[in-house]
Amino acid sequence: MTDYLQRAISDSGRFFVFACDTTQLVSEACRRHDVGPTAAAALGRALTGAALLAALLKDDQSVMLRFEGNGPLGKIITEGGHAGWVRGYVAEPKAEVPLRGGKIDVAAGLGRAGFLTVTKDIGMERKYQGTIQLYTSEIAEDIAYYLSESEQVPSAIGIGVHLQPDGSIAASGGFLVQALPPADEQLVTTIERQIGGLGSISELFRRGTSPEVLIRLLFAEVPYHLTGATQLTYNCSCSREKMGRAVFSLGNDEINYLLASEEGVEVQCEFCRDSYRFAREDLEKMLAVGAGQH
């Protein structure tokens, strides 16, 4: 089964909802980064959040979420594109904290003090950026708080990641509901009541609830229609060419140092853990190009 995101809008045009299953892409991310249980839950939530926020964009646009807390996980960075690709990593993938009430304590892992920075690449020369203080450090509530504070859009978000006893991902997914102004307070109350009665999002996905069924539960008393689905994948945009440019950007002094001390250099992408090796001759070519630019 492939991951995907389903979109719907109320017949009145006042509310829209996205619901997505991210089980496979979160599993792929956790495998690539060899994460522990706390990092798996936190990274899975942040990846799902990136997929949901990317759905608000258009065409080739993308969004990056940067969670930086004072907890042992350090920072979590995820990125998603409107086309359905998602990638991300956690700074300390093996960091763990004690369980809270028998459940993984994501907030303690991330840390209750810190910031969420959302950066949107909408194809302009400058990227749009907004920063808030972490609200609960549970990921979903922080994203909802960002949308409310920075973008002035009332939003409700639910994200869940269910782990197997061995730490692998059993299920992952979430939803995002937004109200367009002017708000219909009666419908807002109705939808809030439906959200309150959903129970555990991770448990819903673990039981096989599809994005369409989740939308039906959320809009049980609201006439709506589906507007389209997008396949979701864990996909990184790194390449040997991009990594070569990163090495070249170090400058001649640093490249000379690498030549003097090593037979070459291996560069690893933080997002997908793929490695690219540049031999002595590659570094020497970079020096030659750099010399030609002066």
Protein backbone atom coordinates (compact mmCIF):
# COMPACT_ATOMS: atom_id res chain seq x y z
CA MET A 1 0.00 0.00 0.00
CA THR A 2 1.34 3.42 -0.92
CA ASP A 3 1.12 6.58 1.17
CA TYR A 4 -1.12 9.36 -0.06
CA LEU A 5 -2.86 12.56 0.95
CA GLN A 6 -6.58 13.11 0.27
CA ARG A 7 -8.16 16.56 0.00
CA ALA A 8 -11.77 17.60 0.62
CA ILE A 9 -13.76 20.81 0.91
CA SER A 10 -17.13 21.51 2.51
CA ASP A 11 -19.96 22.19 0.06
CA SER A 12 -20.20 25.69 1.54
CA GLY A 13 -16.54 26.32 0.61
CA ARG A 14 -15.84 27.51 4.17
CA PHE A 15 -13.83 24.50 5.38
CA PHE A 16 -11.25 22.23 3.82
CA VAL A 17 -9.44 19.20 5.13
CA PHE A 18 -6.38 17.14 4.25
CA ALA A 19 -5.88 13.62 5.60
CA CYS A 20 -2.84 11.49 4.88
CA ASP A 21 -1.33 8.08 5.51
CA THR A 22 2.45 8.38 5.92
CA THR A 23 3.28 4.90 7.23
CA GLN A 24 5.67 3.87 4.45
CA LEU A 25 7.59 7.14 4.16
CA VAL A 26 8.04 7.39 7.92
CA SER A 27 9.27 3.78 7.97
CA GLU A 28 11.75 4.62 5.21
CA ALA A 29 13.00 7.69 7.08
CA CYS A 30 13.45 5.75 10.32
CA ARG A 31 15.30 2.97 8.49
CA ARG A 32 17.66 5.39 6.76
CA HIS A 33 18.46 7.27 9.96
CA ASP A 34 18.52 4.21 12.25
CA VAL A 35 16.45 6.00 14.89
CA GLY A 36 15.43 4.93 18.36
CA PRO A 37 11.77 4.91 19.50
CA THR A 38 11.64 8.51 20.75
CA ALA A 39 13.21 9.87 17.57
CA ALA A 40 10.95 7.64 15.45
CA ALA A 41 7.80 9.09 17.02
CA ALA A 42 9.06 12.69 16.83
CA LEU A 43 10.46 12.44 13.29
CA GLY A 44 7.32 10.65 12.09
CA ARG A 45 5.12 13.41 13.42
CA ALA A 46 7.30 16.14 11.91
CA LEU A 47 7.41 14.40 8.50
CA THR A 48 3.62 14.06 8.51
CA GLY A 49 3.32 17.72 9.48
CA ALA A 50 5.52 18.70 6.53
CA ALA A 51 3.33 16.67 4.17
CA LEU A 52 0.19 18.40 5.48
CA LEU A 53 1.64 21.93 5.27
CA ALA A 54 3.03 21.26 1.78
CA ALA A 55 -0.51 20.44 0.66
CA LEU A 56 -1.41 24.10 1.32
CA LEU A 57 1.07 25.20 -1.36
CA LYS A 58 1.05 25.06 -5.16
CA ASP A 59 2.91 23.26 -7.95
CA ASP A 60 6.68 23.16 -7.26
CA GLN A 61 6.51 25.00 -3.93
CA SER A 62 7.89 23.47 -0.72
CA VAL A 63 8.01 24.04 3.02
CA MET A 64 10.62 23.29 5.69
CA LEU A 65 9.87 22.78 9.39
CA ARG A 66 12.72 23.30 11.85
CA PHE A 67 12.02 22.25 15.44
CA GLU A 68 14.79 23.28 17.83
CA GLY A 69 14.29 22.40 21.47
CA ASN A 70 16.37 22.01 24.62
CA GLY A 71 15.73 18.27 24.83
CA PRO A 72 18.08 15.39 23.99
CA LEU A 73 16.79 14.99 20.40
CA GLY A 74 18.23 18.41 19.53
CA LYS A 75 16.74 19.69 16.30
CA ILE A 76 14.31 18.02 13.91
CA ILE A 77 14.19 19.27 10.33
CA THR A 78 11.63 18.07 7.80
CA GLU A 79 10.76 19.31 4.35
CA GLY A 80 7.83 18.61 2.05
CA GLY A 81 6.82 19.57 -1.47
CA HIS A 82 3.36 20.12 -2.93
CA ALA A 83 4.16 17.33 -5.41
CA GLY A 84 4.18 14.83 -2.51
CA TRP A 85 7.86 14.35 -1.64
CA VAL A 86 8.94 14.50 2.00
CA ARG A 87 12.35 14.20 3.69
CA GLY A 88 13.83 14.92 7.11
CA TYR A 89 16.19 14.02 9.91
CA VAL A 90 16.69 14.33 13.66
CA ALA A 91 20.00 15.56 15.10
CA GLU A 92 20.29 12.87 17.80
CA PRO A 93 18.50 9.78 16.45
CA LYS A 94 19.39 7.52 19.39
CA ALA A 95 18.41 9.92 22.20
CA GLU A 96 15.80 8.51 24.60
CA VAL A 97 13.69 9.80 27.49
CA PRO A 98 11.59 7.91 30.06
CA LEU A 99 8.07 6.89 29.05
CA ARG A 100 5.22 9.05 30.31
CA GLY A 101 2.13 7.09 31.26
CA GLY A 102 3.46 4.15 29.27
CA LYS A 103 3.81 6.23 26.11
CA ILE A 104 6.72 7.81 24.27
CA ASP A 105 7.25 11.36 25.58
CA VAL A 106 7.93 13.33 22.40
CA ALA A 107 7.67 16.67 24.21
CA ALA A 108 10.43 15.71 26.65
CA GLY A 109 12.54 14.38 23.79
CA LEU A 110 12.30 17.62 21.83
CA GLY A 111 12.38 19.81 24.92
CA ARG A 112 9.69 22.15 26.19
CA ALA A 113 11.69 25.31 25.46
CA GLY A 114 12.64 26.18 21.93
CA PHE A 115 11.35 27.35 18.56
CA LEU A 116 9.57 26.18 15.44
CA THR A 117 10.65 27.93 12.24
CA VAL A 118 8.60 27.42 9.09
CA THR A 119 10.27 28.37 5.80
CA LYS A 120 8.27 28.40 2.56
CA ASP A 121 9.90 28.29 -0.85
CA ILE A 122 7.23 29.63 -3.21
CA GLY A 123 9.55 30.25 -6.13
CA MET A 124 10.38 33.85 -5.27
CA GLU A 125 13.88 35.21 -4.74
CA ARG A 126 13.28 35.45 -1.00
CA LYS A 127 11.78 32.66 1.04
CA TYR A 128 8.93 33.34 3.47
CA GLN A 129 9.85 32.54 7.07
CA GLY A 130 7.94 32.58 10.34
CA THR A 131 9.08 31.58 13.85
CA ILE A 132 7.16 30.83 17.04
CA GLN A 133 8.11 29.53 20.44
CA LEU A 134 7.28 25.86 20.90
CA TYR A 135 3.74 25.59 22.24
CA THR A 136 3.55 22.05 23.65
CA SER A 137 6.51 20.41 21.85
CA GLU A 138 4.15 17.63 20.74
CA ILE A 139 4.64 18.66 17.07
CA ALA A 140 1.00 18.81 15.87
CA GLU A 141 -0.08 21.45 18.38
CA ASP A 142 3.01 23.49 17.59
CA ILE A 143 2.16 23.51 13.87
CA ALA A 144 -1.45 24.51 14.63
CA TYR A 145 -0.17 27.29 16.89
CA TYR A 146 2.14 28.50 14.13
CA LEU A 147 -0.74 28.65 11.63
CA SER A 148 -2.89 30.55 14.11
CA GLU A 149 -0.19 33.00 15.25
CA SER A 150 1.91 33.57 12.13
CA GLU A 151 -0.65 33.10 9.37
CA GLN A 152 -3.83 34.02 11.27
CA VAL A 153 -5.62 30.90 10.01
CA PRO A 154 -7.64 28.89 12.56
CA SER A 155 -6.48 25.30 12.13
CA ALA A 156 -6.85 21.92 13.79
CA ILE A 157 -4.19 19.27 13.29
CA GLY A 158 -4.01 15.69 14.46
CA ILE A 159 -0.92 13.52 13.89
CA GLY A 160 -0.23 10.03 15.17
CA VAL A 161 2.67 7.56 14.92
CA HIS A 162 2.20 4.03 16.26
CA LEU A 163 5.30 1.93 16.95
CA GLN A 164 5.58 -1.85 17.11
CA PRO A 165 7.20 -3.36 20.24
CA ASP A 166 10.43 -3.74 18.24
CA GLY A 167 10.45 0.00 17.47
CA SER A 168 9.38 -0.28 13.83
CA ILE A 169 6.54 1.87 12.46
CA ALA A 170 3.13 0.17 12.60
CA ALA A 171 1.17 3.18 11.33
CA SER A 172 1.51 6.92 10.79
CA GLY A 173 -0.77 9.63 9.48
CA GLY A 174 -2.67 12.79 10.26
CA PHE A 175 -5.14 15.47 9.26
CA LEU A 176 -5.36 19.24 8.90
CA VAL A 177 -8.65 21.17 8.99
CA GLN A 178 -8.82 24.89 8.22
CA ALA A 179 -11.70 27.38 8.30
CA LEU A 180 -11.84 30.18 5.76
CA PRO A 181 -13.12 33.59 6.86
CA PRO A 182 -15.73 34.55 7.75
CA ALA A 183 -15.89 31.63 10.18
CA ASP A 184 -19.17 29.78 10.61
CA GLU A 185 -19.05 29.41 14.40
CA GLN A 186 -21.73 26.73 14.50
CA LEU A 187 -19.86 24.55 12.02
CA VAL A 188 -16.58 25.24 13.82
CA THR A 189 -18.15 23.90 17.01
CA THR A 190 -19.52 20.86 15.15
CA ILE A 191 -16.13 19.99 13.65
CA GLU A 192 -14.38 20.57 16.98
CA ARG A 193 -16.79 18.11 18.57
CA GLN A 194 -16.01 15.53 15.88
CA ILE A 195 -12.28 15.99 16.40
CA GLY A 196 -12.69 15.61 20.14
CA GLY A 197 -14.46 12.31 19.65
CA LEU A 198 -11.90 10.77 17.30
CA GLY A 199 -9.67 9.32 19.98
CA SER A 200 -6.10 8.31 19.16
CA ILE A 201 -5.08 9.20 15.59
CA SER A 202 -2.29 6.63 15.63
CA GLU A 203 -4.76 3.95 16.73
CA LEU A 204 -7.14 4.87 13.91
CA PHE A 205 -4.40 4.39 11.33
CA ARG A 206 -3.17 1.22 13.04
CA ARG A 207 -6.68 -0.21 12.59
CA GLY A 208 -6.49 0.53 8.88
CA THR A 209 -8.52 3.75 8.74
CA SER A 210 -7.99 5.34 5.32
CA PRO A 211 -7.66 9.10 4.73
CA GLU A 212 -11.13 9.07 3.12
CA VAL A 213 -12.68 7.43 6.17
CA LEU A 214 -10.90 9.88 8.46
CA ILE A 215 -12.35 12.78 6.45
CA ARG A 216 -15.78 11.19 6.72
CA LEU A 217 -15.39 11.02 10.50
CA LEU A 218 -14.23 14.64 10.71
CA PHE A 219 -17.00 15.98 8.45
CA ALA A 220 -19.71 13.61 9.69
CA GLU A 221 -22.19 16.50 10.00
CA VAL A 222 -20.76 18.69 7.23
CA PRO A 223 -21.68 18.18 3.55
CA TYR A 224 -18.44 17.93 1.59
CA HIS A 225 -16.81 16.55 -1.54
CA LEU A 226 -13.37 15.09 -2.23
CA THR A 227 -11.15 17.24 -4.45
CA GLY A 228 -8.16 15.02 -5.22
CA ALA A 229 -5.35 12.87 -3.88
CA THR A 230 -1.55 13.07 -4.04
CA GLN A 231 0.84 10.16 -3.59
CA LEU A 232 3.40 10.72 -0.84
CA THR A 233 6.98 9.42 -0.92
CA TYR A 234 10.18 9.78 1.07
CA ASN A 235 12.39 11.36 -1.57
CA CYS A 236 15.58 13.43 -1.33
CA SER A 237 16.79 15.93 -3.89
CA CYS A 238 20.47 15.45 -3.13
CA SER A 239 22.87 14.50 -5.95
CA ARG A 240 26.59 14.16 -6.61
CA GLU A 241 26.46 17.48 -8.45
CA LYS A 242 24.89 19.30 -5.48
CA MET A 243 27.31 17.74 -3.02
CA GLY A 244 30.19 18.69 -5.30
CA ARG A 245 29.05 22.30 -5.21
CA ALA A 246 28.95 22.09 -1.41
CA VAL A 247 32.56 20.88 -1.29
CA PHE A 248 33.60 23.53 -3.83
CA SER A 249 31.99 26.22 -1.68
CA LEU A 250 34.41 25.39 1.15
CA GLY A 251 37.07 27.40 -0.69
CA ASN A 252 40.61 26.69 -1.86
CA ASP A 253 42.22 26.70 1.59
CA GLU A 254 39.87 24.01 2.93
CA ILE A 255 40.17 21.91 -0.24
CA ASN A 256 43.98 22.14 -0.04
CA TYR A 257 43.77 20.97 3.57
CA LEU A 258 41.67 17.97 2.50
CA LEU A 259 44.20 17.12 -0.20
CA ALA A 260 47.09 17.32 2.26
CA SER A 261 45.47 15.19 4.93
CA GLU A 262 43.33 12.67 3.05
CA GLU A 263 43.08 10.70 -0.17
CA GLY A 264 39.72 12.32 -0.82
CA VAL A 265 36.56 13.20 1.02
CA GLU A 266 33.21 11.52 1.58
CA VAL A 267 30.15 13.73 2.00
CA GLN A 268 26.91 12.39 3.48
CA CYS A 269 23.49 13.97 2.99
CA GLU A 270 21.84 14.76 6.32
CA PHE A 271 18.37 14.12 4.93
CA CYS A 272 18.76 10.69 3.34
CA ARG A 273 22.19 9.44 4.54
CA ASP A 274 23.37 8.74 0.99
CA SER A 275 27.14 9.24 0.64
CA TYR A 276 29.16 10.75 -2.18
CA ARG A 277 32.90 10.27 -2.48
CA PHE A 278 35.20 12.80 -4.11
CA ALA A 279 38.68 11.46 -4.93
CA ARG A 280 41.93 13.45 -5.09
CA GLU A 281 41.46 14.16 -8.79
CA ASP A 282 37.98 15.56 -8.10
CA LEU A 283 39.37 17.93 -5.47
CA GLU A 284 42.23 18.94 -7.77
CA LYS A 285 39.74 19.82 -10.52
CA MET A 286 37.84 21.98 -8.02
CA LEU A 287 41.07 23.82 -7.18
CA ALA A 288 41.74 24.37 -10.88
CA VAL A 289 38.24 25.78 -11.40
CA GLY A 290 38.62 27.99 -8.35
CA ALA A 291 41.94 29.32 -9.60
CA GLY A 292 40.37 30.10 -12.96
CA GLN A 293 37.74 32.27 -11.30
CA HIS A 294 40.32 34.64 -9.81
